[in-house]
Amino acid sequence: MTSVDGAAALQVRDLRVAYGTARGSLRAVDRVTFDLHPGESLGLVGESGCGKSSLGRGLMQLLPPGAAVGGSVRLDGSELIGMGPPDLRRLSAEQLALAFP
């Protein structure tokens, strides 16, 4: 990740992830906001089912059909939410990674 003038390289604002179920929408991530600067890492710790994987998948738009993501995820100024798969894959492969245990 790079940044200009000390700005955060990854800016996440009000990230929301919801899954469609037979009973309606299930909110897995609700309004998460954070910044990461170059050289920083983020580790998430929590109970099983608390939304850690959903947060990561939402950041990178790796959600299953029927899931919805909202908010803003900006990587070096480029908005990832709504970005097409080819552009997202190119950008992600070069600058963003997600590791599951």
C-alpha atoms as a PDB file:
ATOM      1  CA  MET A   1       0.000   0.000   0.000  1.00  0.00           C
ATOM      2  CA  THR A   2       1.106   3.514  -0.677  1.00  0.00           C
ATOM      3  CA  SER A   3      -0.263   6.852   0.380  1.00  0.00           C
ATOM      4  CA  VAL A   4       0.167  10.520  -0.247  1.00  0.00           C
ATOM      5  CA  ASP A   5       1.167  12.965   2.498  1.00  0.00           C
ATOM      6  CA  GLY A   6       0.685  10.462   5.343  1.00  0.00           C
ATOM      7  CA  ALA A   7      -2.910   9.710   4.397  1.00  0.00           C
ATOM      8  CA  ALA A   8      -4.274   6.268   5.130  1.00  0.00           C
ATOM      9  CA  ALA A   9      -3.696   3.828   2.277  1.00  0.00           C
ATOM     10  CA  LEU A  10      -6.865   1.870   3.168  1.00  0.00           C
ATOM     11  CA  GLN A  11      -9.901   3.787   4.350  1.00  0.00           C
ATOM     12  CA  VAL A  12     -12.992   1.855   5.394  1.00  0.00           C
ATOM     13  CA  ARG A  13     -16.128   3.816   6.232  1.00  0.00           C
ATOM     14  CA  ASP A  14     -19.402   2.401   7.522  1.00  0.00           C
ATOM     15  CA  LEU A  15     -18.808  -1.042   5.983  1.00  0.00           C
ATOM     16  CA  ARG A  16     -21.917  -3.221   6.136  1.00  0.00           C
ATOM     17  CA  VAL A  17     -22.333  -6.836   5.054  1.00  0.00           C
ATOM     18  CA  ALA A  18     -25.663  -8.666   5.037  1.00  0.00           C
ATOM     19  CA  TYR A  19     -26.689 -12.113   3.869  1.00  0.00           C
ATOM     20  CA  GLY A  20     -30.082 -12.953   2.428  1.00  0.00           C
ATOM     21  CA  THR A  21     -31.865 -15.764   4.274  1.00  0.00           C
ATOM     22  CA  ALA A  22     -35.303 -17.355   4.121  1.00  0.00           C
ATOM     23  CA  ARG A  23     -36.232 -15.181   7.114  1.00  0.00           C
ATOM     24  CA  GLY A  24     -34.901 -11.966   5.552  1.00  0.00           C
ATOM     25  CA  SER A  25     -31.621 -10.107   5.751  1.00  0.00           C
ATOM     26  CA  LEU A  26     -29.014 -11.167   8.320  1.00  0.00           C
ATOM     27  CA  ARG A  27     -26.622  -8.358   9.252  1.00  0.00           C
ATOM     28  CA  ALA A  28     -23.104  -9.772   9.761  1.00  0.00           C
ATOM     29  CA  VAL A  29     -21.084  -6.517   9.748  1.00  0.00           C
ATOM     30  CA  ASP A  30     -22.595  -3.226  10.843  1.00  0.00           C
ATOM     31  CA  ARG A  31     -20.918   0.131  10.164  1.00  0.00           C
ATOM     32  CA  VAL A  32     -17.245  -0.743  10.630  1.00  0.00           C
ATOM     33  CA  THR A  33     -14.822   2.162  10.142  1.00  0.00           C
ATOM     34  CA  PHE A  34     -11.014   2.161  10.257  1.00  0.00           C
ATOM     35  CA  ASP A  35      -7.867   3.392   8.497  1.00  0.00           C
ATOM     36  CA  LEU A  36      -4.641   1.531   7.729  1.00  0.00           C
ATOM     37  CA  HIS A  37      -1.451   3.390   6.885  1.00  0.00           C
ATOM     38  CA  PRO A  38       1.445   1.984   4.839  1.00  0.00           C
ATOM     39  CA  GLY A  39       3.284  -0.739   6.740  1.00  0.00           C
ATOM     40  CA  GLU A  40       0.407  -1.381   9.141  1.00  0.00           C
ATOM     41  CA  SER A  41      -1.447  -4.668   9.477  1.00  0.00           C
ATOM     42  CA  LEU A  42      -4.827  -5.434  10.963  1.00  0.00           C
ATOM     43  CA  GLY A  43      -5.615  -8.578  12.894  1.00  0.00           C
ATOM     44  CA  LEU A  44      -9.145  -9.449  13.956  1.00  0.00           C
ATOM     45  CA  VAL A  45      -9.882 -11.543  17.018  1.00  0.00           C
ATOM     46  CA  GLY A  46     -13.282 -12.658  18.193  1.00  0.00           C
ATOM     47  CA  GLU A  47     -15.690 -15.460  18.808  1.00  0.00           C
ATOM     48  CA  SER A  48     -16.773 -17.793  16.051  1.00  0.00           C
ATOM     49  CA  GLY A  49     -19.597 -16.220  14.063  1.00  0.00           C
ATOM     50  CA  CYS A  50     -18.907 -12.631  15.115  1.00  0.00           C
ATOM     51  CA  GLY A  51     -18.234 -11.391  11.554  1.00  0.00           C
ATOM     52  CA  LYS A  52     -14.445 -11.520  11.138  1.00  0.00           C
ATOM     53  CA  SER A  53     -14.524 -13.444   7.850  1.00  0.00           C
ATOM     54  CA  SER A  54     -17.517 -11.463   6.616  1.00  0.00           C
ATOM     55  CA  LEU A  55     -15.607  -8.249   7.207  1.00  0.00           C
ATOM     56  CA  GLY A  56     -12.624  -9.504   5.189  1.00  0.00           C
ATOM     57  CA  ARG A  57     -14.786 -10.890   2.418  1.00  0.00           C
ATOM     58  CA  GLY A  58     -16.755  -7.646   2.297  1.00  0.00           C
ATOM     59  CA  LEU A  59     -13.569  -5.588   1.980  1.00  0.00           C
ATOM     60  CA  MET A  60     -12.501  -7.615  -1.038  1.00  0.00           C
ATOM     61  CA  GLN A  61     -16.011  -8.252  -2.399  1.00  0.00           C
ATOM     62  CA  LEU A  62     -15.633 -12.013  -2.097  1.00  0.00           C
ATOM     63  CA  LEU A  63     -19.198 -12.520  -0.928  1.00  0.00           C
ATOM     64  CA  PRO A  64     -21.570 -15.263  -2.079  1.00  0.00           C
ATOM     65  CA  PRO A  65     -24.562 -14.535  -4.311  1.00  0.00           C
ATOM     66  CA  GLY A  66     -27.374 -12.933  -2.348  1.00  0.00           C
ATOM     67  CA  ALA A  67     -25.032 -11.083   0.008  1.00  0.00           C
ATOM     68  CA  ALA A  68     -24.965  -7.300   0.059  1.00  0.00           C
ATOM     69  CA  VAL A  69     -22.152  -4.912   0.933  1.00  0.00           C
ATOM     70  CA  GLY A  70     -22.445  -1.210   1.640  1.00  0.00           C
ATOM     71  CA  GLY A  71     -20.314   1.662   2.801  1.00  0.00           C
ATOM     72  CA  SER A  72     -16.996   2.728   1.358  1.00  0.00           C
ATOM     73  CA  VAL A  73     -13.664   0.932   0.962  1.00  0.00           C
ATOM     74  CA  ARG A  74     -10.954   3.094  -0.601  1.00  0.00           C
ATOM     75  CA  LEU A  75      -7.517   1.708  -1.433  1.00  0.00           C
ATOM     76  CA  ASP A  76      -5.052   4.449  -2.379  1.00  0.00           C
ATOM     77  CA  GLY A  77      -7.985   6.616  -3.368  1.00  0.00           C
ATOM     78  CA  SER A  78      -9.769   4.013  -5.525  1.00  0.00           C
ATOM     79  CA  GLU A  79     -13.249   3.000  -4.382  1.00  0.00           C
ATOM     80  CA  LEU A  80     -13.483  -0.801  -4.223  1.00  0.00           C
ATOM     81  CA  ILE A  81     -17.216  -1.091  -3.519  1.00  0.00           C
ATOM     82  CA  GLY A  82     -18.862  -1.483  -6.902  1.00  0.00           C
ATOM     83  CA  MET A  83     -15.571  -1.964  -8.773  1.00  0.00           C
ATOM     84  CA  GLY A  84     -15.763  -4.579 -11.538  1.00  0.00           C
ATOM     85  CA  PRO A  85     -14.183  -8.011 -10.969  1.00  0.00           C
ATOM     86  CA  PRO A  86     -11.251  -7.619 -13.418  1.00  0.00           C
ATOM     87  CA  ASP A  87     -10.168  -4.274 -11.932  1.00  0.00           C
ATOM     88  CA  LEU A  88     -10.694  -5.514  -8.397  1.00  0.00           C
ATOM     89  CA  ARG A  89      -8.607  -8.670  -9.013  1.00  0.00           C
ATOM     90  CA  ARG A  90      -5.757  -6.630 -10.498  1.00  0.00           C
ATOM     91  CA  LEU A  91      -5.785  -4.128  -7.659  1.00  0.00           C
ATOM     92  CA  SER A  92      -6.191  -6.767  -4.953  1.00  0.00           C
ATOM     93  CA  ALA A  93      -3.402  -8.980  -6.277  1.00  0.00           C
ATOM     94  CA  GLU A  94      -0.961  -6.078  -6.201  1.00  0.00           C
ATOM     95  CA  GLN A  95      -1.873  -4.320  -2.962  1.00  0.00           C
ATOM     96  CA  LEU A  96      -4.357  -6.162  -0.763  1.00  0.00           C
ATOM     97  CA  ALA A  97      -4.371  -9.651   0.735  1.00  0.00           C
ATOM     98  CA  LEU A  98      -6.650 -11.628   2.983  1.00  0.00           C
ATOM     99  CA  ALA A  99      -5.471 -14.657   4.968  1.00  0.00           C
ATOM    100  CA  PHE A 100      -7.858 -17.063   6.660  1.00  0.00           C
ATOM    101  CA  PRO A 101      -6.585 -19.439   9.379  1.00  0.00           C
END
